[in-house]
Amino acid sequence: QVQLVESGGGLVQAGGSLRLSCEASESPSEYYAVQWYRQRDEKERELVADISKWYITKYSDAVRGRYTITQDSAKTLVFLQMNNLMTEDTGVYSCRRTGDSDVWGQGTQVTVSS
């Protein structure tokens, strides 16, 4: 079964940037999409960005214009570039691949200080 591993989280000041990576153990089959979710405190996990095999991207209203989701040509790496970070962006960020499978990574902590 494919495995996903996130990296790139950490502590950053408000206004700063981070780039998260989601690496898959194998390339996807025909149909797939990769999403980034975040969970803040005790709140529900929310979808923040999505990219399909055709490079179509979607963003939540909360991050649109600040976050950018991209993938490499081998389709095993998906990145989430996060700019102009705010304290409310703090949370655990997880990637998920759907379509050929439904697999989650373990998550990476992002902490934005004021």
Protein backbone atom coordinates (compact mmCIF):
# COMPACT_ATOMS: atom_id res chain seq x y z
CA GLN A 1 0.00 0.00 0.00
CA VAL A 2 1.23 3.46 -0.85
CA GLN A 3 2.55 5.51 2.05
CA LEU A 4 2.68 9.29 2.39
CA VAL A 5 5.24 11.19 4.44
CA GLU A 6 4.96 14.89 5.19
CA SER A 7 7.84 17.19 6.06
CA GLY A 8 8.64 20.87 6.27
CA GLY A 9 6.62 21.92 9.29
CA GLY A 10 8.06 24.04 12.05
CA LEU A 11 7.87 27.31 13.92
CA VAL A 12 7.66 30.58 12.01
CA GLN A 13 6.74 34.15 12.85
CA ALA A 14 3.58 35.70 11.50
CA GLY A 15 4.17 37.00 7.99
CA GLY A 16 6.72 34.31 7.26
CA SER A 17 6.66 31.33 4.90
CA LEU A 18 6.98 27.57 5.01
CA ARG A 19 6.94 24.89 2.34
CA LEU A 20 5.47 21.52 3.19
CA SER A 21 6.23 18.36 1.24
CA CYS A 22 4.18 15.21 0.85
CA GLU A 23 6.16 12.32 -0.58
CA ALA A 24 4.47 9.15 -1.81
CA SER A 25 6.19 5.77 -1.82
CA GLU A 26 4.92 5.08 -5.33
CA SER A 27 3.47 6.96 -8.29
CA PRO A 28 -0.31 7.09 -8.59
CA SER A 29 -2.33 5.12 -11.09
CA GLU A 30 -4.69 6.67 -13.60
CA TYR A 31 -7.03 8.76 -11.44
CA TYR A 32 -5.98 10.51 -8.28
CA ALA A 33 -5.94 13.73 -6.33
CA VAL A 34 -3.87 14.92 -3.40
CA GLN A 35 -5.20 17.15 -0.68
CA TRP A 36 -3.72 19.06 2.21
CA TYR A 37 -5.79 19.24 5.37
CA ARG A 38 -5.14 21.01 8.63
CA GLN A 39 -6.48 20.53 12.12
CA ARG A 40 -6.33 23.43 14.54
CA ASP A 41 -6.66 22.77 18.29
CA GLU A 42 -9.80 20.75 18.94
CA LYS A 43 -11.50 21.79 15.72
CA GLU A 44 -12.48 19.54 12.84
CA ARG A 45 -9.92 18.79 10.17
CA GLU A 46 -10.42 21.16 7.24
CA LEU A 47 -9.45 20.86 3.61
CA VAL A 48 -7.15 23.71 2.57
CA ALA A 49 -5.83 22.72 -0.87
CA ASP A 50 -6.33 20.08 -3.56
CA ILE A 51 -4.52 19.16 -6.78
CA SER A 52 -5.61 16.63 -9.39
CA LYS A 53 -3.61 14.60 -11.89
CA TRP A 54 -4.44 17.31 -14.44
CA TYR A 55 -2.87 19.95 -12.18
CA ILE A 56 -6.23 21.54 -11.42
CA THR A 57 -5.99 23.22 -8.02
CA LYS A 58 -8.56 24.28 -5.44
CA TYR A 59 -8.17 26.24 -2.21
CA SER A 60 -10.26 27.06 0.80
CA ASP A 61 -11.29 30.68 1.23
CA ALA A 62 -9.06 30.93 4.29
CA VAL A 63 -5.84 30.28 2.38
CA ARG A 64 -6.57 31.31 -1.22
CA GLY A 65 -3.98 33.82 -2.40
CA ARG A 66 -1.48 32.81 0.30
CA TYR A 67 -1.02 29.08 -0.27
CA THR A 68 0.05 27.33 -3.47
CA ILE A 69 -0.18 23.59 -4.09
CA THR A 70 2.06 22.02 -6.72
CA GLN A 71 3.30 18.58 -7.71
CA ASP A 72 6.37 17.25 -9.45
CA SER A 73 6.30 15.58 -12.84
CA ALA A 74 6.72 12.12 -11.34
CA LYS A 75 3.59 12.77 -9.27
CA THR A 76 5.24 11.45 -6.12
CA LEU A 77 5.87 14.81 -4.49
CA VAL A 78 3.24 17.40 -3.65
CA PHE A 79 4.21 20.72 -2.13
CA LEU A 80 2.28 23.30 -0.19
CA GLN A 81 3.91 26.72 -0.28
CA MET A 82 2.49 28.83 2.53
CA ASN A 83 3.17 32.57 2.49
CA ASN A 84 2.10 35.44 4.71
CA LEU A 85 1.35 33.02 7.49
CA MET A 86 -0.98 34.05 10.29
CA THR A 87 -1.34 32.73 13.83
CA GLU A 88 -4.62 31.11 12.85
CA ASP A 89 -2.73 28.94 10.34
CA THR A 90 -1.22 27.03 13.26
CA GLY A 91 -2.15 23.36 13.25
CA VAL A 92 -1.25 19.87 12.13
CA TYR A 93 -1.09 19.62 8.35
CA SER A 94 -1.71 16.26 6.72
CA CYS A 95 -1.75 15.15 3.11
CA ARG A 96 -4.14 12.63 1.64
CA ARG A 97 -4.19 10.85 -1.69
CA THR A 98 -7.50 9.71 -3.12
CA GLY A 99 -8.60 8.01 -6.32
CA ASP A 100 -6.34 5.00 -6.63
CA SER A 101 -6.29 4.71 -2.84
CA ASP A 102 -7.35 6.62 0.25
CA VAL A 103 -4.18 7.14 2.21
CA TRP A 104 -3.16 9.73 4.81
CA GLY A 105 0.23 10.85 5.98
CA GLN A 106 1.09 11.16 9.65
CA GLY A 107 0.95 14.96 9.67
CA THR A 108 3.42 17.75 10.37
CA GLN A 109 3.06 20.53 12.92
CA VAL A 110 3.02 24.15 11.79
CA THR A 111 3.19 26.80 14.48
CA VAL A 112 2.91 30.49 13.65
CA SER A 113 3.89 32.87 16.43
CA SER A 114 2.77 36.48 16.75
